[in-house]
Amino acid sequence: MVLLAVTSHRGIMSVDVFTEIVIDRPRAEVASFASNPDNAPAWYFNIKSVEWESRPPLRVGSRVSFVAHFLGKRLTYTYEVVELIPHERLIMRTAHGPFPMETMYTWQAVDRGGTRMGLRNRGRPAGFSRVFAPFMASAIRWANRKDLARLKTLLEKGLSSNAT
C-alpha cells in the first residue's frame, strides 16, 4: 500500500507519503535491523553514510546524521528520535537539514510469522523547495517503495547478518 498526499494550508505545502510492505521474517528481526541507523546504507538506496551524534544504542533523544543523495543533490541531515517503542514504532524528526521532515517506522506481526512494515515521511518543504513539493512527494514515494523492497530482499535472503 502506498499513500501520497500533497496539501496546502495557508500557502504552506505539506508532503505525506506512507508506504508498507510485508516481509517474511519475524517482527523483532525486521524492527531490530531497520531501526539500527548503522544498517541504513544497506537498505536505503540514497543514504551513503551515517554518523552517530549521540552514543548508541538508539533511544529517545538520540541524534544521528545521514549523508544522502536525493534528486541529484547531496543532502546532509540530522534526525532526532522522538518516540521509540521497540519492535513496534520509531519516530524521528529532522533536527538539522534542508527541510523539516518526520520519518516513522511501524512494525506489525502478520500471519505465518511475517511483519508488515510501514514507512511514513511527512514534512513541509521550505523556501524554494516548496514549489517542488508535488514532485518531491512522488520521488519520496518511489524511493520508499524501492527501499522497502530492498529491505525485504536483504532480510528474506538472510543477507542482513552481513550488514549489522
N, C-alpha and C. Protein backbone atom coordinates (compact mmCIF):
# COMPACT_ATOMS: atom_id res chain seq x y z
N MET A 1 0.83 -1.17 0.00
CA MET A 1 0.00 0.00 0.00
C MET A 1 0.88 1.24 0.00
N VAL A 2 0.50 2.19 -0.79
CA VAL A 2 1.21 3.47 -0.87
C VAL A 2 0.18 4.58 -0.83
N LEU A 3 0.36 5.50 0.09
CA LEU A 3 -0.50 6.68 0.16
C LEU A 3 0.38 7.90 -0.04
N LEU A 4 -0.12 8.84 -0.81
CA LEU A 4 0.63 10.04 -1.14
C LEU A 4 -0.30 11.22 -1.02
N ALA A 5 0.13 12.24 -0.28
CA ALA A 5 -0.69 13.44 -0.15
C ALA A 5 0.21 14.67 -0.21
N VAL A 6 -0.23 15.63 -0.98
CA VAL A 6 0.41 16.94 -1.00
C VAL A 6 -0.72 17.92 -0.75
N THR A 7 -0.62 18.65 0.35
CA THR A 7 -1.67 19.58 0.71
C THR A 7 -1.11 20.98 0.93
N SER A 8 -1.98 21.93 0.87
CA SER A 8 -1.59 23.31 1.12
C SER A 8 -2.57 23.91 2.11
N HIS A 9 -2.02 24.51 3.15
CA HIS A 9 -2.83 25.21 4.14
C HIS A 9 -2.19 26.57 4.37
N ARG A 10 -2.91 27.61 4.01
CA ARG A 10 -2.41 28.98 4.14
C ARG A 10 -1.09 29.17 3.40
N GLY A 11 -1.02 28.53 2.24
CA GLY A 11 0.17 28.68 1.40
C GLY A 11 1.35 27.81 1.81
N ILE A 12 1.19 26.99 2.86
CA ILE A 12 2.27 26.11 3.31
C ILE A 12 2.01 24.73 2.73
N MET A 13 2.94 24.25 1.91
CA MET A 13 2.81 22.93 1.29
C MET A 13 3.29 21.85 2.25
N SER A 14 2.53 20.77 2.33
CA SER A 14 2.90 19.62 3.15
C SER A 14 2.98 18.38 2.29
N VAL A 15 3.91 17.52 2.61
CA VAL A 15 4.10 16.25 1.93
C VAL A 15 3.85 15.14 2.95
N ASP A 16 3.09 14.12 2.58
CA ASP A 16 2.82 12.99 3.46
C ASP A 16 2.79 11.73 2.60
N VAL A 17 3.78 10.87 2.79
CA VAL A 17 3.92 9.66 1.98
C VAL A 17 3.98 8.47 2.93
N PHE A 18 3.09 7.50 2.73
CA PHE A 18 3.08 6.28 3.53
C PHE A 18 3.22 5.09 2.59
N THR A 19 4.15 4.21 2.92
CA THR A 19 4.40 3.00 2.13
C THR A 19 4.52 1.84 3.10
N GLU A 20 4.03 0.67 2.70
CA GLU A 20 4.20 -0.50 3.55
C GLU A 20 4.47 -1.74 2.70
N ILE A 21 5.04 -2.73 3.37
CA ILE A 21 5.38 -3.98 2.71
C ILE A 21 5.31 -5.10 3.74
N VAL A 22 5.04 -6.31 3.30
CA VAL A 22 5.08 -7.48 4.18
C VAL A 22 6.40 -8.20 3.93
N ILE A 23 7.12 -8.42 5.01
CA ILE A 23 8.41 -9.10 4.96
C ILE A 23 8.27 -10.42 5.70
N ASP A 24 8.67 -11.50 5.06
CA ASP A 24 8.52 -12.84 5.63
C ASP A 24 9.64 -13.15 6.62
N ARG A 25 9.69 -12.34 7.66
CA ARG A 25 10.63 -12.52 8.76
C ARG A 25 9.92 -12.05 10.03
N PRO A 26 10.34 -12.54 11.20
CA PRO A 26 9.69 -12.14 12.46
C PRO A 26 9.82 -10.63 12.73
N ARG A 27 8.81 -10.09 13.38
CA ARG A 27 8.76 -8.66 13.67
C ARG A 27 10.01 -8.17 14.41
N ALA A 28 10.47 -8.89 15.42
CA ALA A 28 11.64 -8.44 16.18
C ALA A 28 12.87 -8.33 15.28
N GLU A 29 13.03 -9.26 14.35
CA GLU A 29 14.18 -9.23 13.45
C GLU A 29 14.10 -8.04 12.48
N VAL A 30 12.92 -7.84 11.90
CA VAL A 30 12.75 -6.73 10.95
C VAL A 30 12.95 -5.40 11.67
N ALA A 31 12.30 -5.24 12.82
CA ALA A 31 12.40 -3.98 13.56
C ALA A 31 13.82 -3.71 14.04
N SER A 32 14.49 -4.73 14.56
CA SER A 32 15.86 -4.54 15.05
C SER A 32 16.79 -4.09 13.93
N PHE A 33 16.65 -4.72 12.77
CA PHE A 33 17.52 -4.37 11.66
C PHE A 33 17.19 -2.98 11.10
N ALA A 34 15.91 -2.74 10.84
CA ALA A 34 15.51 -1.48 10.21
C ALA A 34 15.71 -0.27 11.12
N SER A 35 15.59 -0.44 12.43
CA SER A 35 15.72 0.69 13.35
C SER A 35 17.17 0.99 13.73
N ASN A 36 18.10 0.17 13.30
CA ASN A 36 19.51 0.42 13.59
C ASN A 36 20.07 1.34 12.51
N PRO A 37 20.38 2.60 12.86
CA PRO A 37 20.88 3.54 11.85
C PRO A 37 22.11 3.03 11.09
N ASP A 38 22.94 2.23 11.73
CA ASP A 38 24.13 1.71 11.05
C ASP A 38 23.78 0.86 9.84
N ASN A 39 22.57 0.31 9.80
CA ASN A 39 22.14 -0.53 8.68
C ASN A 39 21.51 0.27 7.54
N ALA A 40 21.25 1.54 7.75
CA ALA A 40 20.55 2.34 6.75
C ALA A 40 21.20 2.29 5.36
N PRO A 41 22.53 2.41 5.23
CA PRO A 41 23.10 2.36 3.88
C PRO A 41 22.89 1.02 3.17
N ALA A 42 22.63 -0.04 3.93
CA ALA A 42 22.42 -1.36 3.33
C ALA A 42 21.07 -1.47 2.64
N TRP A 43 20.07 -0.73 3.14
CA TRP A 43 18.74 -0.87 2.54
C TRP A 43 18.14 0.42 1.99
N TYR A 44 18.66 1.56 2.38
CA TYR A 44 18.23 2.83 1.78
C TYR A 44 19.16 3.14 0.62
N PHE A 45 18.63 3.14 -0.57
CA PHE A 45 19.43 3.37 -1.76
C PHE A 45 20.14 4.72 -1.72
N ASN A 46 19.47 5.77 -1.24
CA ASN A 46 20.02 7.12 -1.27
C ASN A 46 20.97 7.45 -0.12
N ILE A 47 20.94 6.70 0.96
CA ILE A 47 21.79 7.01 2.12
C ILE A 47 23.17 6.41 1.89
N LYS A 48 24.15 7.28 1.95
CA LYS A 48 25.54 6.89 1.68
C LYS A 48 26.36 6.67 2.94
N SER A 49 26.06 7.43 4.01
CA SER A 49 26.80 7.24 5.26
C SER A 49 25.97 7.72 6.45
N VAL A 50 26.36 7.22 7.63
CA VAL A 50 25.67 7.50 8.88
C VAL A 50 26.71 7.84 9.93
N GLU A 51 26.40 8.84 10.75
CA GLU A 51 27.29 9.18 11.85
C GLU A 51 26.45 9.47 13.09
N TRP A 52 26.76 8.77 14.17
CA TRP A 52 26.07 8.99 15.43
C TRP A 52 26.55 10.29 16.04
N GLU A 53 25.62 11.16 16.43
CA GLU A 53 25.98 12.37 17.17
C GLU A 53 25.81 12.16 18.66
N SER A 54 25.11 11.12 19.03
CA SER A 54 24.97 10.71 20.42
C SER A 54 25.45 9.26 20.51
N ARG A 55 25.57 8.76 21.70
CA ARG A 55 26.07 7.40 21.87
C ARG A 55 24.97 6.37 21.58
N PRO A 56 25.33 5.29 20.85
CA PRO A 56 24.38 4.19 20.68
C PRO A 56 24.13 3.54 22.05
N PRO A 57 23.07 2.82 22.23
CA PRO A 57 22.06 2.41 21.26
C PRO A 57 21.01 3.51 21.06
N LEU A 58 20.15 3.26 20.08
CA LEU A 58 19.09 4.19 19.75
C LEU A 58 18.10 4.29 20.90
N ARG A 59 17.72 5.53 21.24
CA ARG A 59 16.74 5.78 22.29
C ARG A 59 16.14 7.17 22.05
N VAL A 60 15.10 7.51 22.76
CA VAL A 60 14.52 8.85 22.64
C VAL A 60 15.60 9.86 22.96
N GLY A 61 15.75 10.84 22.09
CA GLY A 61 16.79 11.86 22.25
C GLY A 61 18.05 11.59 21.43
N SER A 62 18.22 10.36 20.94
CA SER A 62 19.39 10.05 20.10
C SER A 62 19.39 10.92 18.87
N ARG A 63 20.59 11.31 18.43
CA ARG A 63 20.73 12.10 17.21
C ARG A 63 21.70 11.38 16.28
N VAL A 64 21.28 11.28 15.02
CA VAL A 64 22.06 10.57 14.01
C VAL A 64 22.07 11.41 12.74
N SER A 65 23.27 11.60 12.15
CA SER A 65 23.40 12.35 10.90
C SER A 65 23.52 11.39 9.73
N PHE A 66 22.89 11.76 8.63
CA PHE A 66 22.91 10.96 7.41
C PHE A 66 23.40 11.82 6.26
N VAL A 67 24.16 11.21 5.38
CA VAL A 67 24.51 11.84 4.11
C VAL A 67 23.80 11.04 3.05
N ALA A 68 23.01 11.75 2.23
CA ALA A 68 22.21 11.08 1.21
C ALA A 68 22.35 11.82 -0.11
N HIS A 69 21.99 11.13 -1.18
CA HIS A 69 21.89 11.73 -2.50
C HIS A 69 20.44 11.57 -2.91
N PHE A 70 19.76 12.72 -3.13
CA PHE A 70 18.35 12.70 -3.46
C PHE A 70 18.07 13.76 -4.50
N LEU A 71 17.41 13.35 -5.58
CA LEU A 71 17.10 14.25 -6.69
C LEU A 71 18.35 14.94 -7.22
N GLY A 72 19.45 14.18 -7.27
CA GLY A 72 20.69 14.69 -7.84
C GLY A 72 21.50 15.60 -6.93
N LYS A 73 21.08 15.72 -5.67
CA LYS A 73 21.80 16.59 -4.74
C LYS A 73 22.31 15.80 -3.55
N ARG A 74 23.43 16.28 -3.01
CA ARG A 74 23.97 15.71 -1.78
C ARG A 74 23.29 16.43 -0.62
N LEU A 75 22.68 15.67 0.27
CA LEU A 75 21.99 16.23 1.43
C LEU A 75 22.61 15.69 2.70
N THR A 76 22.78 16.56 3.66
CA THR A 76 23.21 16.15 5.00
C THR A 76 22.11 16.59 5.96
N TYR A 77 21.65 15.67 6.76
CA TYR A 77 20.59 16.00 7.70
C TYR A 77 20.76 15.18 8.96
N THR A 78 20.26 15.72 10.06
CA THR A 78 20.33 15.06 11.36
C THR A 78 18.92 14.79 11.84
N TYR A 79 18.69 13.55 12.23
CA TYR A 79 17.42 13.16 12.82
C TYR A 79 17.59 13.02 14.33
N GLU A 80 16.52 13.36 15.04
CA GLU A 80 16.45 13.11 16.48
C GLU A 80 15.27 12.18 16.73
N VAL A 81 15.52 11.15 17.54
CA VAL A 81 14.47 10.19 17.87
C VAL A 81 13.52 10.86 18.87
N VAL A 82 12.23 10.89 18.52
CA VAL A 82 11.23 11.49 19.40
C VAL A 82 10.31 10.46 20.04
N GLU A 83 10.25 9.27 19.45
CA GLU A 83 9.47 8.18 20.04
C GLU A 83 10.08 6.85 19.62
N LEU A 84 10.18 5.94 20.58
CA LEU A 84 10.70 4.60 20.29
C LEU A 84 9.98 3.60 21.18
N ILE A 85 9.20 2.76 20.54
CA ILE A 85 8.58 1.61 21.20
C ILE A 85 9.19 0.40 20.50
N PRO A 86 10.17 -0.27 21.14
CA PRO A 86 10.90 -1.34 20.47
C PRO A 86 9.98 -2.34 19.76
N HIS A 87 10.35 -2.64 18.52
CA HIS A 87 9.66 -3.62 17.68
C HIS A 87 8.23 -3.23 17.33
N GLU A 88 7.86 -1.96 17.60
CA GLU A 88 6.51 -1.51 17.28
C GLU A 88 6.51 -0.21 16.48
N ARG A 89 7.24 0.82 16.99
CA ARG A 89 7.22 2.12 16.30
C ARG A 89 8.48 2.92 16.64
N LEU A 90 8.95 3.64 15.61
CA LEU A 90 10.08 4.55 15.75
C LEU A 90 9.72 5.82 15.00
N ILE A 91 9.82 6.97 15.67
CA ILE A 91 9.57 8.26 15.03
C ILE A 91 10.79 9.14 15.22
N MET A 92 11.27 9.70 14.09
CA MET A 92 12.42 10.61 14.10
C MET A 92 12.02 11.88 13.39
N ARG A 93 12.58 13.01 13.84
CA ARG A 93 12.34 14.30 13.18
C ARG A 93 13.68 14.96 12.89
N THR A 94 13.70 15.72 11.80
CA THR A 94 14.94 16.42 11.48
C THR A 94 15.23 17.47 12.54
N ALA A 95 16.44 17.44 13.04
CA ALA A 95 16.93 18.46 13.96
C ALA A 95 17.73 19.49 13.16
N HIS A 96 18.24 19.03 12.02
CA HIS A 96 19.01 19.89 11.12
C HIS A 96 18.92 19.28 9.73
N GLY A 97 18.62 20.09 8.73
CA GLY A 97 18.54 19.56 7.38
C GLY A 97 17.88 20.53 6.43
N PRO A 98 17.75 20.12 5.17
CA PRO A 98 17.23 21.02 4.14
C PRO A 98 15.76 21.41 4.33
N PHE A 99 14.96 20.55 4.92
CA PHE A 99 13.58 20.92 5.24
C PHE A 99 13.07 20.03 6.37
N PRO A 100 12.12 20.54 7.16
CA PRO A 100 11.58 19.76 8.27
C PRO A 100 10.90 18.49 7.77
N MET A 101 11.26 17.36 8.35
CA MET A 101 10.71 16.07 7.93
C MET A 101 10.58 15.17 9.15
N GLU A 102 9.53 14.38 9.15
CA GLU A 102 9.35 13.36 10.17
C GLU A 102 9.31 12.01 9.46
N THR A 103 10.03 11.05 10.00
CA THR A 103 10.02 9.69 9.46
C THR A 103 9.53 8.76 10.55
N MET A 104 8.57 7.91 10.20
CA MET A 104 8.03 6.96 11.15
C MET A 104 8.09 5.56 10.56
N TYR A 105 8.61 4.62 11.36
CA TYR A 105 8.58 3.20 11.02
C TYR A 105 7.57 2.54 11.96
N THR A 106 6.78 1.63 11.41
CA THR A 106 5.90 0.80 12.23
C THR A 106 6.08 -0.65 11.84
N TRP A 107 5.91 -1.53 12.83
CA TRP A 107 6.03 -2.96 12.58
C TRP A 107 4.86 -3.68 13.24
N GLN A 108 4.19 -4.53 12.46
CA GLN A 108 3.08 -5.32 12.96
C GLN A 108 3.29 -6.77 12.54
N ALA A 109 3.08 -7.70 13.48
CA ALA A 109 3.15 -9.11 13.15
C ALA A 109 1.96 -9.47 12.27
N VAL A 110 2.22 -10.32 11.27
CA VAL A 110 1.16 -10.83 10.40
C VAL A 110 1.22 -12.35 10.42
N ASP A 111 0.24 -12.98 9.77
CA ASP A 111 0.15 -14.44 9.75
C ASP A 111 1.45 -15.10 9.30
N ARG A 112 1.67 -16.29 9.82
CA ARG A 112 2.82 -17.13 9.47
C ARG A 112 4.17 -16.50 9.81
N GLY A 113 4.21 -15.64 10.82
CA GLY A 113 5.48 -15.12 11.32
C GLY A 113 6.07 -13.96 10.56
N GLY A 114 5.32 -13.37 9.66
CA GLY A 114 5.84 -12.24 8.89
C GLY A 114 5.60 -10.91 9.60
N THR A 115 6.04 -9.85 8.94
CA THR A 115 5.93 -8.50 9.51
C THR A 115 5.44 -7.53 8.44
N ARG A 116 4.47 -6.72 8.81
CA ARG A 116 4.05 -5.61 7.96
C ARG A 116 4.80 -4.39 8.47
N MET A 117 5.67 -3.86 7.60
CA MET A 117 6.44 -2.67 7.97
C MET A 117 5.89 -1.47 7.22
N GLY A 118 5.62 -0.41 7.96
CA GLY A 118 5.19 0.85 7.37
C GLY A 118 6.31 1.87 7.46
N LEU A 119 6.40 2.68 6.44
CA LEU A 119 7.39 3.77 6.38
C LEU A 119 6.63 5.02 5.97
N ARG A 120 6.63 6.01 6.84
CA ARG A 120 5.91 7.26 6.56
C ARG A 120 6.87 8.44 6.65
N ASN A 121 6.85 9.26 5.63
CA ASN A 121 7.62 10.51 5.60
C ASN A 121 6.64 11.65 5.43
N ARG A 122 6.72 12.61 6.32
CA ARG A 122 5.88 13.79 6.16
C ARG A 122 6.66 15.02 6.61
N GLY A 123 6.37 16.10 5.94
CA GLY A 123 7.07 17.33 6.27
C GLY A 123 6.59 18.49 5.45
N ARG A 124 7.25 19.61 5.67
CA ARG A 124 6.90 20.85 4.98
C ARG A 124 8.15 21.41 4.31
N PRO A 125 8.31 21.16 3.03
CA PRO A 125 9.45 21.74 2.33
C PRO A 125 9.45 23.26 2.49
N ALA A 126 10.62 23.81 2.73
CA ALA A 126 10.74 25.26 2.97
C ALA A 126 11.41 25.94 1.78
N GLY A 127 11.26 27.24 1.74
CA GLY A 127 11.94 28.03 0.73
C GLY A 127 11.56 27.62 -0.68
N PHE A 128 12.54 27.65 -1.55
CA PHE A 128 12.31 27.34 -2.95
C PHE A 128 11.81 25.92 -3.16
N SER A 129 12.25 24.98 -2.31
CA SER A 129 11.88 23.57 -2.49
C SER A 129 10.39 23.33 -2.33
N ARG A 130 9.65 24.25 -1.67
CA ARG A 130 8.21 24.02 -1.52
C ARG A 130 7.48 24.06 -2.85
N VAL A 131 8.03 24.76 -3.83
CA VAL A 131 7.45 24.80 -5.16
C VAL A 131 7.43 23.40 -5.78
N PHE A 132 8.41 22.60 -5.39
CA PHE A 132 8.55 21.26 -5.94
C PHE A 132 7.93 20.19 -5.06
N ALA A 133 7.10 20.57 -4.09
CA ALA A 133 6.51 19.61 -3.16
C ALA A 133 5.82 18.44 -3.86
N PRO A 134 5.00 18.67 -4.89
CA PRO A 134 4.37 17.51 -5.54
C PRO A 134 5.40 16.56 -6.17
N PHE A 135 6.41 17.12 -6.80
CA PHE A 135 7.46 16.29 -7.39
C PHE A 135 8.23 15.57 -6.29
N MET A 136 8.53 16.26 -5.19
CA MET A 136 9.25 15.64 -4.08
C MET A 136 8.45 14.48 -3.50
N ALA A 137 7.15 14.67 -3.35
CA ALA A 137 6.30 13.60 -2.81
C ALA A 137 6.37 12.36 -3.68
N SER A 138 6.31 12.55 -4.98
CA SER A 138 6.40 11.40 -5.90
C SER A 138 7.77 10.74 -5.81
N ALA A 139 8.82 11.54 -5.71
CA ALA A 139 10.17 11.00 -5.61
C ALA A 139 10.35 10.24 -4.29
N ILE A 140 9.80 10.76 -3.21
CA ILE A 140 9.88 10.07 -1.92
C ILE A 140 9.12 8.75 -1.99
N ARG A 141 7.92 8.78 -2.59
CA ARG A 141 7.13 7.55 -2.73
C ARG A 141 7.92 6.50 -3.51
N TRP A 142 8.49 6.89 -4.63
CA TRP A 142 9.27 5.96 -5.46
C TRP A 142 10.46 5.41 -4.67
N ALA A 143 11.18 6.29 -3.97
CA ALA A 143 12.34 5.85 -3.18
C ALA A 143 11.93 4.93 -2.05
N ASN A 144 10.84 5.25 -1.35
CA ASN A 144 10.39 4.41 -0.24
C ASN A 144 10.01 3.01 -0.71
N ARG A 145 9.32 2.92 -1.84
CA ARG A 145 8.95 1.61 -2.38
C ARG A 145 10.19 0.80 -2.70
N LYS A 146 11.15 1.45 -3.31
CA LYS A 146 12.39 0.77 -3.68
C LYS A 146 13.17 0.34 -2.43
N ASP A 147 13.23 1.23 -1.43
CA ASP A 147 13.97 0.92 -0.21
C ASP A 147 13.33 -0.23 0.56
N LEU A 148 12.01 -0.24 0.68
CA LEU A 148 11.36 -1.33 1.40
C LEU A 148 11.52 -2.65 0.65
N ALA A 149 11.49 -2.61 -0.67
CA ALA A 149 11.73 -3.84 -1.45
C ALA A 149 13.15 -4.35 -1.21
N ARG A 150 14.09 -3.43 -1.14
CA ARG A 150 15.49 -3.81 -0.87
C ARG A 150 15.63 -4.41 0.53
N LEU A 151 14.95 -3.81 1.51
CA LEU A 151 14.97 -4.34 2.88
C LEU A 151 14.38 -5.75 2.91
N LYS A 152 13.27 -5.94 2.23
CA LYS A 152 12.62 -7.25 2.16
C LYS A 152 13.58 -8.30 1.59
N THR A 153 14.24 -7.95 0.50
CA THR A 153 15.20 -8.88 -0.12
C THR A 153 16.34 -9.21 0.83
N LEU A 154 16.91 -8.19 1.47
CA LEU A 154 18.01 -8.42 2.41
C LEU A 154 17.61 -9.37 3.53
N LEU A 155 16.47 -9.10 4.14
CA LEU A 155 16.05 -9.89 5.29
C LEU A 155 15.59 -11.29 4.91
N GLU A 156 14.83 -11.41 3.83
CA GLU A 156 14.32 -12.72 3.45
C GLU A 156 15.41 -13.64 2.90
N LYS A 157 16.45 -13.09 2.34
CA LYS A 157 17.55 -13.91 1.83
C LYS A 157 18.64 -14.11 2.87
N GLY A 158 18.44 -13.54 4.07
CA GLY A 158 19.41 -13.71 5.14
C GLY A 158 20.68 -12.92 4.96
N LEU A 159 20.65 -11.90 4.12
CA LEU A 159 21.85 -11.09 3.85
C LEU A 159 22.08 -10.05 4.94
N SER A 160 21.10 -9.84 5.83
CA SER A 160 21.22 -8.79 6.85
C SER A 160 22.29 -9.11 7.88
N SER A 161 22.62 -10.38 8.07
CA SER A 161 23.64 -10.72 9.07
C SER A 161 25.00 -10.16 8.70
N ASN A 162 25.23 -9.87 7.40
CA ASN A 162 26.49 -9.28 6.98
C ASN A 162 26.52 -7.77 7.17
N ALA A 163 25.35 -7.16 7.32
CA ALA A 163 25.28 -5.69 7.39
C ALA A 163 25.36 -5.16 8.80
N THR A 164 24.95 -5.93 9.79
CA THR A 164 24.91 -5.42 11.18
C THR A 164 26.25 -5.46 11.84
